[in-house]
PDB file of N, CA and C in Angstrom:
ATOM      1  N   MET A   1     124.508  28.427 163.483  1.00  0.00           N
ATOM      2  CA  MET A   1     124.907  29.672 164.084  1.00  0.00           C
ATOM      3  C   MET A   1     126.423  29.768 164.072  1.00  0.00           C
ATOM      4  N   LEU A   2     126.877  31.004 164.055  1.00  0.00           N
ATOM      5  CA  LEU A   2     128.310  31.264 164.072  1.00  0.00           C
ATOM      6  C   LEU A   2     128.680  31.874 165.419  1.00  0.00           C
ATOM      7  N   PHE A   3     129.644  31.250 166.085  1.00  0.00           N
ATOM      8  CA  PHE A   3     130.147  31.718 167.372  1.00  0.00           C
ATOM      9  C   PHE A   3     131.540  32.278 167.112  1.00  0.00           C
ATOM     10  N   VAL A   4     131.657  33.601 167.195  1.00  0.00           N
ATOM     11  CA  VAL A   4     132.924  34.270 166.932  1.00  0.00           C
ATOM     12  C   VAL A   4     133.551  34.609 168.276  1.00  0.00           C
ATOM     13  N   CYS A   5     134.758  34.084 168.502  1.00  0.00           N
ATOM     14  CA  CYS A   5     135.351  34.220 169.833  1.00  0.00           C
ATOM     15  C   CYS A   5     136.866  34.310 169.771  1.00  0.00           C
ATOM     16  N   TYR A   6     137.438  34.610 170.929  1.00  0.00           N
ATOM     17  CA  TYR A   6     138.882  34.532 171.147  1.00  0.00           C
ATOM     18  C   TYR A   6     139.050  33.453 172.207  1.00  0.00           C
ATOM     19  N   PRO A   7     139.634  32.303 171.857  1.00  0.00           N
ATOM     20  CA  PRO A   7     139.667  31.161 172.775  1.00  0.00           C
ATOM     21  C   PRO A   7     140.258  31.445 174.157  1.00  0.00           C
ATOM     22  N   ASN A   8     141.175  32.393 174.284  1.00  0.00           N
ATOM     23  CA  ASN A   8     141.780  32.693 175.579  1.00  0.00           C
ATOM     24  C   ASN A   8     140.912  33.584 176.458  1.00  0.00           C
ATOM     25  N   CYS A   9     139.849  34.122 175.907  1.00  0.00           N
ATOM     26  CA  CYS A   9     138.951  35.024 176.631  1.00  0.00           C
ATOM     27  C   CYS A   9     138.041  34.209 177.555  1.00  0.00           C
ATOM     28  N   THR A  10     138.047  34.547 178.844  1.00  0.00           N
ATOM     29  CA  THR A  10     137.240  33.777 179.797  1.00  0.00           C
ATOM     30  C   THR A  10     135.747  33.944 179.536  1.00  0.00           C
ATOM     31  N   THR A  11     135.329  35.107 179.079  1.00  0.00           N
ATOM     32  CA  THR A  11     133.910  35.306 178.760  1.00  0.00           C
ATOM     33  C   THR A  11     133.515  34.428 177.574  1.00  0.00           C
ATOM     34  N   CYS A  12     134.396  34.322 176.588  1.00  0.00           N
ATOM     35  CA  CYS A  12     134.130  33.452 175.433  1.00  0.00           C
ATOM     36  C   CYS A  12     134.055  31.992 175.870  1.00  0.00           C
ATOM     37  N   GLN A  13     134.948  31.583 176.769  1.00  0.00           N
ATOM     38  CA  GLN A  13     134.935  30.216 177.273  1.00  0.00           C
ATOM     39  C   GLN A  13     133.624  29.931 178.008  1.00  0.00           C
ATOM     40  N   LYS A  14     133.169  30.885 178.801  1.00  0.00           N
ATOM     41  CA  LYS A  14     131.909  30.733 179.540  1.00  0.00           C
ATOM     42  C   LYS A  14     130.733  30.614 178.556  1.00  0.00           C
ATOM     43  N   ALA A  15     130.738  31.457 177.516  1.00  0.00           N
ATOM     44  CA  ALA A  15     129.666  31.424 176.516  1.00  0.00           C
ATOM     45  C   ALA A  15     129.658  30.092 175.761  1.00  0.00           C
ATOM     46  N   ARG A  16     130.852  29.593 175.385  1.00  0.00           N
ATOM     47  CA  ARG A  16     130.935  28.313 174.673  1.00  0.00           C
ATOM     48  C   ARG A  16     130.375  27.188 175.544  1.00  0.00           C
ATOM     49  N   LYS A  17     130.768  27.162 176.814  1.00  0.00           N
ATOM     50  CA  LYS A  17     130.261  26.125 177.731  1.00  0.00           C
ATOM     51  C   LYS A  17     128.746  26.217 177.877  1.00  0.00           C
ATOM     52  N   TRP A  18     128.229  27.444 177.925  1.00  0.00           N
ATOM     53  CA  TRP A  18     126.785  27.648 178.049  1.00  0.00           C
ATOM     54  C   TRP A  18     126.078  27.089 176.813  1.00  0.00           C
ATOM     55  N   LEU A  19     126.591  27.419 175.608  1.00  0.00           N
ATOM     56  CA  LEU A  19     125.996  26.910 174.363  1.00  0.00           C
ATOM     57  C   LEU A  19     126.011  25.377 174.341  1.00  0.00           C
ATOM     58  N   GLU A  20     127.162  24.813 174.714  1.00  0.00           N
ATOM     59  CA  GLU A  20     127.285  23.353 174.707  1.00  0.00           C
ATOM     60  C   GLU A  20     126.330  22.721 175.710  1.00  0.00           C
ATOM     61  N   ALA A  21     126.206  23.311 176.890  1.00  0.00           N
ATOM     62  CA  ALA A  21     125.301  22.777 177.920  1.00  0.00           C
ATOM     63  C   ALA A  21     123.840  22.822 177.472  1.00  0.00           C
ATOM     64  N   LYS A  22     123.503  23.808 176.650  1.00  0.00           N
ATOM     65  CA  LYS A  22     122.130  23.944 176.140  1.00  0.00           C
ATOM     66  C   LYS A  22     121.903  23.125 174.876  1.00  0.00           C
ATOM     67  N   GLY A  23     122.948  22.473 174.376  1.00  0.00           N
ATOM     68  CA  GLY A  23     122.818  21.650 173.174  1.00  0.00           C
ATOM     69  C   GLY A  23     122.661  22.455 171.898  1.00  0.00           C
ATOM     70  N   ILE A  24     123.199  23.661 171.885  1.00  0.00           N
ATOM     71  CA  ILE A  24     123.099  24.533 170.714  1.00  0.00           C
ATOM     72  C   ILE A  24     124.250  24.216 169.751  1.00  0.00           C
ATOM     73  N   ALA A  25     123.906  23.917 168.512  1.00  0.00           N
ATOM     74  CA  ALA A  25     124.925  23.648 167.496  1.00  0.00           C
ATOM     75  C   ALA A  25     125.460  24.975 166.953  1.00  0.00           C
ATOM     76  N   PHE A  26     126.778  25.040 166.787  1.00  0.00           N
ATOM     77  CA  PHE A  26     127.381  26.265 166.267  1.00  0.00           C
ATOM     78  C   PHE A  26     128.706  25.953 165.587  1.00  0.00           C
ATOM     79  N   ALA A  27     129.079  26.841 164.684  1.00  0.00           N
ATOM     80  CA  ALA A  27     130.414  26.805 164.090  1.00  0.00           C
ATOM     81  C   ALA A  27     131.233  27.861 164.820  1.00  0.00           C
ATOM     82  N   GLU A  28     132.460  27.524 165.152  1.00  0.00           N
ATOM     83  CA  GLU A  28     133.308  28.444 165.913  1.00  0.00           C
ATOM     84  C   GLU A  28     134.341  29.092 165.005  1.00  0.00           C
ATOM     85  N   ARG A  29     134.568  30.369 165.248  1.00  0.00           N
ATOM     86  CA  ARG A  29     135.544  31.129 164.453  1.00  0.00           C
ATOM     87  C   ARG A  29     136.430  31.938 165.394  1.00  0.00           C
ATOM     88  N   HIS A  30     137.725  31.798 165.231  1.00  0.00           N
ATOM     89  CA  HIS A  30     138.731  32.494 166.032  1.00  0.00           C
ATOM     90  C   HIS A  30     138.863  33.921 165.487  1.00  0.00           C
ATOM     91  N   ILE A  31     138.485  34.901 166.286  1.00  0.00           N
ATOM     92  CA  ILE A  31     138.378  36.282 165.819  1.00  0.00           C
ATOM     93  C   ILE A  31     139.730  36.904 165.457  1.00  0.00           C
ATOM     94  N   LYS A  32     140.797  36.434 166.079  1.00  0.00           N
ATOM     95  CA  LYS A  32     142.107  37.009 165.783  1.00  0.00           C
ATOM     96  C   LYS A  32     142.712  36.386 164.524  1.00  0.00           C
ATOM     97  N   GLU A  33     142.468  35.102 164.327  1.00  0.00           N
ATOM     98  CA  GLU A  33     143.011  34.416 163.148  1.00  0.00           C
ATOM     99  C   GLU A  33     142.172  34.666 161.906  1.00  0.00           C
ATOM    100  N   ASP A  34     140.899  34.948 162.081  1.00  0.00           N
ATOM    101  CA  ASP A  34     139.982  35.152 160.958  1.00  0.00           C
ATOM    102  C   ASP A  34     139.110  36.378 161.266  1.00  0.00           C
ATOM    103  N   ASN A  35     139.715  37.569 161.086  1.00  0.00           N
ATOM    104  CA  ASN A  35     139.012  38.829 161.369  1.00  0.00           C
ATOM    105  C   ASN A  35     137.707  38.918 160.587  1.00  0.00           C
ATOM    106  N   PRO A  36     136.677  39.461 161.201  1.00  0.00           N
ATOM    107  CA  PRO A  36     135.465  39.746 160.426  1.00  0.00           C
ATOM    108  C   PRO A  36     135.779  40.800 159.354  1.00  0.00           C
ATOM    109  N   SER A  37     135.172  40.660 158.205  1.00  0.00           N
ATOM    110  CA  SER A  37     135.366  41.628 157.122  1.00  0.00           C
ATOM    111  C   SER A  37     134.454  42.833 157.332  1.00  0.00           C
ATOM    112  N   VAL A  38     134.730  43.898 156.600  1.00  0.00           N
ATOM    113  CA  VAL A  38     133.875  45.086 156.660  1.00  0.00           C
ATOM    114  C   VAL A  38     132.439  44.704 156.301  1.00  0.00           C
ATOM    115  N   GLU A  39     132.279  43.863 155.272  1.00  0.00           N
ATOM    116  CA  GLU A  39     130.942  43.461 154.832  1.00  0.00           C
ATOM    117  C   GLU A  39     130.215  42.671 155.919  1.00  0.00           C
ATOM    118  N   GLU A  40     130.929  41.757 156.563  1.00  0.00           N
ATOM    119  CA  GLU A  40     130.316  40.986 157.653  1.00  0.00           C
ATOM    120  C   GLU A  40     129.920  41.906 158.797  1.00  0.00           C
ATOM    121  N   LEU A  41     130.832  42.772 159.192  1.00  0.00           N
ATOM    122  CA  LEU A  41     130.550  43.686 160.303  1.00  0.00           C
ATOM    123  C   LEU A  41     129.369  44.592 159.999  1.00  0.00           C
ATOM    124  N   LYS A  42     129.297  45.062 158.766  1.00  0.00           N
ATOM    125  CA  LYS A  42     128.179  45.928 158.369  1.00  0.00           C
ATOM    126  C   LYS A  42     126.856  45.174 158.481  1.00  0.00           C
ATOM    127  N   ALA A  43     126.838  43.940 157.981  1.00  0.00           N
ATOM    128  CA  ALA A  43     125.619  43.116 158.045  1.00  0.00           C
ATOM    129  C   ALA A  43     125.259  42.794 159.491  1.00  0.00           C
ATOM    130  N   TRP A  44     126.261  42.452 160.302  1.00  0.00           N
ATOM    131  CA  TRP A  44     126.008  42.122 161.702  1.00  0.00           C
ATOM    132  C   TRP A  44     125.508  43.341 162.464  1.00  0.00           C
ATOM    133  N   HIS A  45     126.070  44.492 162.167  1.00  0.00           N
ATOM    134  CA  HIS A  45     125.644  45.737 162.825  1.00  0.00           C
ATOM    135  C   HIS A  45     124.169  45.997 162.540  1.00  0.00           C
ATOM    136  N   ILE A  46     123.784  45.884 161.281  1.00  0.00           N
ATOM    137  CA  ILE A  46     122.387  46.120 160.891  1.00  0.00           C
ATOM    138  C   ILE A  46     121.470  45.100 161.570  1.00  0.00           C
ATOM    139  N   LYS A  47     121.876  43.817 161.520  1.00  0.00           N
ATOM    140  CA  LYS A  47     121.054  42.749 162.089  1.00  0.00           C
ATOM    141  C   LYS A  47     120.923  42.866 163.609  1.00  0.00           C
ATOM    142  N   SER A  48     121.952  43.396 164.251  1.00  0.00           N
ATOM    143  CA  SER A  48     121.943  43.483 165.718  1.00  0.00           C
ATOM    144  C   SER A  48     121.010  44.574 166.236  1.00  0.00           C
ATOM    145  N   GLY A  49     120.849  45.654 165.445  1.00  0.00           N
ATOM    146  CA  GLY A  49     120.062  46.784 165.908  1.00  0.00           C
ATOM    147  C   GLY A  49     120.785  47.627 166.955  1.00  0.00           C
ATOM    148  N   LEU A  50     122.054  47.334 167.193  1.00  0.00           N
ATOM    149  CA  LEU A  50     122.838  48.052 168.197  1.00  0.00           C
ATOM    150  C   LEU A  50     123.626  49.198 167.579  1.00  0.00           C
ATOM    151  N   PRO A  51     123.986  50.192 168.385  1.00  0.00           N
ATOM    152  CA  PRO A  51     124.897  51.226 167.883  1.00  0.00           C
ATOM    153  C   PRO A  51     126.241  50.577 167.533  1.00  0.00           C
ATOM    154  N   LEU A  52     126.905  51.075 166.512  1.00  0.00           N
ATOM    155  CA  LEU A  52     128.173  50.489 166.073  1.00  0.00           C
ATOM    156  C   LEU A  52     129.212  50.513 167.185  1.00  0.00           C
ATOM    157  N   LYS A  53     129.170  51.510 168.047  1.00  0.00           N
ATOM    158  CA  LYS A  53     130.173  51.588 169.115  1.00  0.00           C
ATOM    159  C   LYS A  53     130.116  50.387 170.052  1.00  0.00           C
ATOM    160  N   ARG A  54     128.984  49.673 170.101  1.00  0.00           N
ATOM    161  CA  ARG A  54     128.862  48.473 170.941  1.00  0.00           C
ATOM    162  C   ARG A  54     129.702  47.310 170.406  1.00  0.00           C
ATOM    163  N   PHE A  55     130.162  47.408 169.169  1.00  0.00           N
ATOM    164  CA  PHE A  55     130.986  46.356 168.588  1.00  0.00           C
ATOM    165  C   PHE A  55     132.461  46.492 168.958  1.00  0.00           C
ATOM    166  N   PHE A  56     132.828  47.587 169.608  1.00  0.00           N
ATOM    167  CA  PHE A  56     134.214  47.790 170.002  1.00  0.00           C
ATOM    168  C   PHE A  56     134.499  47.158 171.359  1.00  0.00           C
ATOM    169  N   ASN A  57     135.626  46.496 171.458  1.00  0.00           N
ATOM    170  CA  ASN A  57     136.087  45.907 172.712  1.00  0.00           C
ATOM    171  C   ASN A  57     136.743  47.024 173.533  1.00  0.00           C
ATOM    172  N   THR A  58     135.930  47.745 174.271  1.00  0.00           N
ATOM    173  CA  THR A  58     136.406  48.927 174.991  1.00  0.00           C
ATOM    174  C   THR A  58     137.346  48.599 176.149  1.00  0.00           C
ATOM    175  N   SER A  59     137.399  47.347 176.568  1.00  0.00           N
ATOM    176  CA  SER A  59     138.300  46.984 177.656  1.00  0.00           C
ATOM    177  C   SER A  59     139.624  46.414 177.154  1.00  0.00           C
ATOM    178  N   GLY A  60     139.779  46.350 175.831  1.00  0.00           N
ATOM    179  CA  GLY A  60     140.998  45.785 175.259  1.00  0.00           C
ATOM    180  C   GLY A  60     142.167  46.760 175.230  1.00  0.00           C
ATOM    181  N   MET A  61     143.357  46.191 175.226  1.00  0.00           N
ATOM    182  CA  MET A  61     144.569  47.016 175.196  1.00  0.00           C
ATOM    183  C   MET A  61     144.676  47.807 173.895  1.00  0.00           C
ATOM    184  N   GLN A  62     144.253  47.198 172.787  1.00  0.00           N
ATOM    185  CA  GLN A  62     144.310  47.897 171.499  1.00  0.00           C
ATOM    186  C   GLN A  62     143.440  49.154 171.522  1.00  0.00           C
ATOM    187  N   TYR A  63     142.233  49.001 172.037  1.00  0.00           N
ATOM    188  CA  TYR A  63     141.276  50.107 172.107  1.00  0.00           C
ATOM    189  C   TYR A  63     141.875  51.262 172.903  1.00  0.00           C
ATOM    190  N   ARG A  64     142.424  50.930 174.053  1.00  0.00           N
ATOM    191  CA  ARG A  64     143.009  51.968 174.913  1.00  0.00           C
ATOM    192  C   ARG A  64     144.287  52.541 174.305  1.00  0.00           C
ATOM    193  N   GLY A  65     145.116  51.657 173.735  1.00  0.00           N
ATOM    194  CA  GLY A  65     146.374  52.097 173.139  1.00  0.00           C
ATOM    195  C   GLY A  65     146.175  53.073 171.992  1.00  0.00           C
ATOM    196  N   LEU A  66     145.124  52.871 171.227  1.00  0.00           N
ATOM    197  CA  LEU A  66     144.828  53.748 170.094  1.00  0.00           C
ATOM    198  C   LEU A  66     143.987  54.964 170.508  1.00  0.00           C
ATOM    199  N   ARG A  67     143.638  55.034 171.790  1.00  0.00           N
ATOM    200  CA  ARG A  67     142.815  56.135 172.334  1.00  0.00           C
ATOM    201  C   ARG A  67     141.502  56.291 171.549  1.00  0.00           C
ATOM    202  N   LEU A  68     140.853  55.168 171.303  1.00  0.00           N
ATOM    203  CA  LEU A  68     139.652  55.168 170.478  1.00  0.00           C
ATOM    204  C   LEU A  68     138.455  55.811 171.163  1.00  0.00           C
ATOM    205  N   LYS A  69     138.462  55.853 172.473  1.00  0.00           N
ATOM    206  CA  LYS A  69     137.355  56.497 173.185  1.00  0.00           C
ATOM    207  C   LYS A  69     137.155  57.933 172.685  1.00  0.00           C
ATOM    208  N   ASP A  70     138.253  58.602 172.417  1.00  0.00           N
ATOM    209  CA  ASP A  70     138.189  59.990 171.946  1.00  0.00           C
ATOM    210  C   ASP A  70     138.003  60.096 170.441  1.00  0.00           C
ATOM    211  N   LYS A  71     138.438  59.084 169.708  1.00  0.00           N
ATOM    212  CA  LYS A  71     138.424  59.158 168.239  1.00  0.00           C
ATOM    213  C   LYS A  71     137.117  58.684 167.608  1.00  0.00           C
ATOM    214  N   ILE A  72     136.496  57.657 168.193  1.00  0.00           N
ATOM    215  CA  ILE A  72     135.309  57.048 167.579  1.00  0.00           C
ATOM    216  C   ILE A  72     134.179  58.054 167.337  1.00  0.00           C
ATOM    217  N   PRO A  73     133.885  58.953 168.304  1.00  0.00           N
ATOM    218  CA  PRO A  73     132.773  59.882 168.063  1.00  0.00           C
ATOM    219  C   PRO A  73     132.934  60.768 166.815  1.00  0.00           C
ATOM    220  N   THR A  74     134.161  60.970 166.374  1.00  0.00           N
ATOM    221  CA  THR A  74     134.374  61.823 165.198  1.00  0.00           C
ATOM    222  C   THR A  74     134.600  61.022 163.917  1.00  0.00           C
ATOM    223  N   MET A  75     134.610  59.696 164.027  1.00  0.00           N
ATOM    224  CA  MET A  75     134.835  58.841 162.860  1.00  0.00           C
ATOM    225  C   MET A  75     133.519  58.530 162.157  1.00  0.00           C
ATOM    226  N   SER A  76     133.590  58.382 160.844  1.00  0.00           N
ATOM    227  CA  SER A  76     132.407  57.963 160.090  1.00  0.00           C
ATOM    228  C   SER A  76     132.160  56.477 160.343  1.00  0.00           C
ATOM    229  N   GLU A  77     130.970  56.021 160.002  1.00  0.00           N
ATOM    230  CA  GLU A  77     130.644  54.599 160.164  1.00  0.00           C
ATOM    231  C   GLU A  77     131.584  53.735 159.332  1.00  0.00           C
ATOM    232  N   ASP A  78     131.884  54.168 158.106  1.00  0.00           N
ATOM    233  CA  ASP A  78     132.797  53.395 157.255  1.00  0.00           C
ATOM    234  C   ASP A  78     134.192  53.314 157.870  1.00  0.00           C
ATOM    235  N   GLU A  79     134.659  54.405 158.461  1.00  0.00           N
ATOM    236  CA  GLU A  79     135.967  54.401 159.119  1.00  0.00           C
ATOM    237  C   GLU A  79     135.970  53.445 160.313  1.00  0.00           C
ATOM    238  N   GLN A  80     134.891  53.452 161.071  1.00  0.00           N
ATOM    239  CA  GLN A  80     134.787  52.558 162.222  1.00  0.00           C
ATOM    240  C   GLN A  80     134.770  51.092 161.774  1.00  0.00           C
ATOM    241  N   LEU A  81     134.004  50.791 160.733  1.00  0.00           N
ATOM    242  CA  LEU A  81     133.933  49.420 160.226  1.00  0.00           C
ATOM    243  C   LEU A  81     135.291  48.955 159.710  1.00  0.00           C
ATOM    244  N   SER A  82     136.004  49.833 159.011  1.00  0.00           N
ATOM    245  CA  SER A  82     137.333  49.489 158.505  1.00  0.00           C
ATOM    246  C   SER A  82     138.298  49.222 159.646  1.00  0.00           C
ATOM    247  N   LEU A  83     138.208  50.038 160.685  1.00  0.00           N
ATOM    248  CA  LEU A  83     139.066  49.858 161.849  1.00  0.00           C
ATOM    249  C   LEU A  83     138.769  48.528 162.539  1.00  0.00           C
ATOM    250  N   LEU A  84     137.500  48.220 162.751  1.00  0.00           N
ATOM    251  CA  LEU A  84     137.116  46.944 163.369  1.00  0.00           C
ATOM    252  C   LEU A  84     137.615  45.758 162.541  1.00  0.00           C
ATOM    253  N   ALA A  85     137.498  45.874 161.226  1.00  0.00           N
ATOM    254  CA  ALA A  85     137.906  44.780 160.340  1.00  0.00           C
ATOM    255  C   ALA A  85     139.428  44.623 160.282  1.00  0.00           C
ATOM    256  N   SER A  86     140.160  45.649 160.689  1.00  0.00           N
ATOM    257  CA  SER A  86     141.621  45.604 160.599  1.00  0.00           C
ATOM    258  C   SER A  86     142.253  44.755 161.700  1.00  0.00           C
ATOM    259  N   ASP A  87     141.541  44.540 162.796  1.00  0.00           N
ATOM    260  CA  ASP A  87     142.108  43.805 163.928  1.00  0.00           C
ATOM    261  C   ASP A  87     140.980  43.200 164.755  1.00  0.00           C
ATOM    262  N   GLY A  88     140.883  41.874 164.739  1.00  0.00           N
ATOM    263  CA  GLY A  88     139.821  41.187 165.472  1.00  0.00           C
ATOM    264  C   GLY A  88     139.822  41.492 166.963  1.00  0.00           C
ATOM    265  N   MET A  89     140.968  41.889 167.508  1.00  0.00           N
ATOM    266  CA  MET A  89     141.042  42.177 168.939  1.00  0.00           C
ATOM    267  C   MET A  89     140.327  43.485 169.298  1.00  0.00           C
ATOM    268  N   LEU A  90     139.981  44.284 168.305  1.00  0.00           N
ATOM    269  CA  LEU A  90     139.208  45.506 168.555  1.00  0.00           C
ATOM    270  C   LEU A  90     137.715  45.217 168.686  1.00  0.00           C
ATOM    271  N   VAL A  91     137.299  44.026 168.250  1.00  0.00           N
ATOM    272  CA  VAL A  91     135.883  43.667 168.225  1.00  0.00           C
ATOM    273  C   VAL A  91     135.468  43.037 169.552  1.00  0.00           C
ATOM    274  N   LYS A  92     134.354  43.515 170.097  1.00  0.00           N
ATOM    275  CA  LYS A  92     133.814  42.929 171.339  1.00  0.00           C
ATOM    276  C   LYS A  92     133.410  41.496 171.051  1.00  0.00           C
ATOM    277  N   ARG A  93     133.698  40.658 171.995  1.00  0.00           N
ATOM    278  CA  ARG A  93     133.415  39.250 171.817  1.00  0.00           C
ATOM    279  C   ARG A  93     132.871  38.672 173.110  1.00  0.00           C
ATOM    280  N   PRO A  94     132.236  37.542 173.026  1.00  0.00           N
ATOM    281  CA  PRO A  94     131.937  36.780 171.818  1.00  0.00           C
ATOM    282  C   PRO A  94     130.781  37.393 171.033  1.00  0.00           C
ATOM    283  N   LEU A  95     130.686  36.961 169.797  1.00  0.00           N
ATOM    284  CA  LEU A  95     129.557  37.305 168.936  1.00  0.00           C
ATOM    285  C   LEU A  95     128.831  36.004 168.612  1.00  0.00           C
ATOM    286  N   LEU A  96     127.528  36.051 168.658  1.00  0.00           N
ATOM    287  CA  LEU A  96     126.731  34.906 168.221  1.00  0.00           C
ATOM    288  C   LEU A  96     125.846  35.399 167.089  1.00  0.00           C
ATOM    289  N   VAL A  97     126.064  34.831 165.913  1.00  0.00           N
ATOM    290  CA  VAL A  97     125.357  35.272 164.713  1.00  0.00           C
ATOM    291  C   VAL A  97     124.383  34.191 164.277  1.00  0.00           C
ATOM    292  N   GLY A  98     123.098  34.537 164.336  1.00  0.00           N
ATOM    293  CA  GLY A  98     122.050  33.631 163.883  1.00  0.00           C
ATOM    294  C   GLY A  98     121.415  34.162 162.616  1.00  0.00           C
ATOM    295  N   ASP A  99     120.392  33.476 162.144  1.00  0.00           N
ATOM    296  CA  ASP A  99     119.721  33.908 160.915  1.00  0.00           C
ATOM    297  C   ASP A  99     119.077  35.279 161.054  1.00  0.00           C
ATOM    298  N   ASP A 100     118.529  35.560 162.235  1.00  0.00           N
ATOM    299  CA  ASP A 100     117.798  36.824 162.389  1.00  0.00           C
ATOM    300  C   ASP A 100     118.239  37.627 163.613  1.00  0.00           C
ATOM    301  N   PHE A 101     119.435  37.339 164.112  1.00  0.00           N
ATOM    302  CA  PHE A 101     119.941  38.112 165.246  1.00  0.00           C
ATOM    303  C   PHE A 101     121.464  38.072 165.289  1.00  0.00           C
ATOM    304  N   VAL A 102     122.025  39.055 165.977  1.00  0.00           N
ATOM    305  CA  VAL A 102     123.448  39.074 166.307  1.00  0.00           C
ATOM    306  C   VAL A 102     123.542  39.526 167.758  1.00  0.00           C
ATOM    307  N   LEU A 103     124.227  38.727 168.570  1.00  0.00           N
ATOM    308  CA  LEU A 103     124.424  39.063 169.976  1.00  0.00           C
ATOM    309  C   LEU A 103     125.886  39.436 170.174  1.00  0.00           C
ATOM    310  N   VAL A 104     126.115  40.553 170.843  1.00  0.00           N
ATOM    311  CA  VAL A 104     127.469  41.058 171.063  1.00  0.00           C
ATOM    312  C   VAL A 104     127.770  41.007 172.555  1.00  0.00           C
ATOM    313  N   GLY A 105     128.839  40.296 172.923  1.00  0.00           N
ATOM    314  CA  GLY A 105     129.141  40.103 174.332  1.00  0.00           C
ATOM    315  C   GLY A 105     128.239  39.006 174.871  1.00  0.00           C
ATOM    316  N   PHE A 106     128.585  38.460 176.029  1.00  0.00           N
ATOM    317  CA  PHE A 106     127.792  37.366 176.580  1.00  0.00           C
ATOM    318  C   PHE A 106     127.014  37.819 177.807  1.00  0.00           C
ATOM    319  N   LYS A 107     125.708  37.852 177.647  1.00  0.00           N
ATOM    320  CA  LYS A 107     124.795  38.052 178.766  1.00  0.00           C
ATOM    321  C   LYS A 107     123.805  36.902 178.667  1.00  0.00           C
ATOM    322  N   GLU A 108     123.895  35.999 179.630  1.00  0.00           N
ATOM    323  CA  GLU A 108     123.123  34.759 179.571  1.00  0.00           C
ATOM    324  C   GLU A 108     121.637  34.991 179.309  1.00  0.00           C
ATOM    325  N   ALA A 109     121.047  35.950 179.981  1.00  0.00           N
ATOM    326  CA  ALA A 109     119.607  36.202 179.810  1.00  0.00           C
ATOM    327  C   ALA A 109     119.284  36.654 178.382  1.00  0.00           C
ATOM    328  N   ASP A 110     120.132  37.496 177.810  1.00  0.00           N
ATOM    329  CA  ASP A 110     119.906  37.972 176.435  1.00  0.00           C
ATOM    330  C   ASP A 110     120.056  36.825 175.445  1.00  0.00           C
ATOM    331  N   TRP A 111     121.048  35.987 175.661  1.00  0.00           N
ATOM    332  CA  TRP A 111     121.266  34.855 174.756  1.00  0.00           C
ATOM    333  C   TRP A 111     120.110  33.871 174.868  1.00  0.00           C
ATOM    334  N   ALA A 112     119.657  33.604 176.073  1.00  0.00           N
ATOM    335  CA  ALA A 112     118.540  32.670 176.280  1.00  0.00           C
ATOM    336  C   ALA A 112     117.282  33.195 175.592  1.00  0.00           C
ATOM    337  N   ALA A 113     117.024  34.502 175.722  1.00  0.00           N
ATOM    338  CA  ALA A 113     115.850  35.103 175.091  1.00  0.00           C
ATOM    339  C   ALA A 113     115.937  35.006 173.573  1.00  0.00           C
ATOM    340  N   ALA A 114     117.101  35.317 173.004  1.00  0.00           N
ATOM    341  CA  ALA A 114     117.279  35.274 171.537  1.00  0.00           C
ATOM    342  C   ALA A 114     117.124  33.855 171.002  1.00  0.00           C
ATOM    343  N   LEU A 115     117.535  32.883 171.803  1.00  0.00           N
ATOM    344  CA  LEU A 115     117.486  31.492 171.361  1.00  0.00           C
ATOM    345  C   LEU A 115     116.200  30.775 171.786  1.00  0.00           C
ATOM    346  N   GLY A 116     115.316  31.500 172.484  1.00  0.00           N
ATOM    347  CA  GLY A 116     114.058  30.903 172.914  1.00  0.00           C
ATOM    348  C   GLY A 116     114.226  29.844 173.992  1.00  0.00           C
ATOM    349  N   ILE A 117     115.210  30.042 174.860  1.00  0.00           N
ATOM    350  CA  ILE A 117     115.478  29.087 175.934  1.00  0.00           C
ATOM    351  C   ILE A 117     114.994  29.686 177.252  1.00  0.00           C
ATOM    352  N   ASP A 118     114.303  28.877 178.044  1.00  0.00           N
ATOM    353  CA  ASP A 118     113.823  29.358 179.346  1.00  0.00           C
ATOM    354  C   ASP A 118     114.941  29.357 180.371  1.00  0.00           C
TER     355      ASP A 118
END
């Protein structure tokens, strides 16, 4: 599994500790140093089954600074994917990418269900 995170993010730190406590093996990727590509984001979006807007870090300074709340509804999917790929800090994190799922943000119950953990 791929764990995409920003190490300074407290939610990412909590998710990493949770994965480690459950004995889940994962590869870690720093989202700011290694931005997801448009192709990766497109595949993750499809695999997640979520609306693309859920991939945006709506609480981030970049999101607010660019006034994306008003712009995203009028942007095409390709424009949104390009924007997300341009700056890892625009992407909601952490992301957990498995063979048949993508989890966006950390909600312990959702992660446990996806991983088959009681």
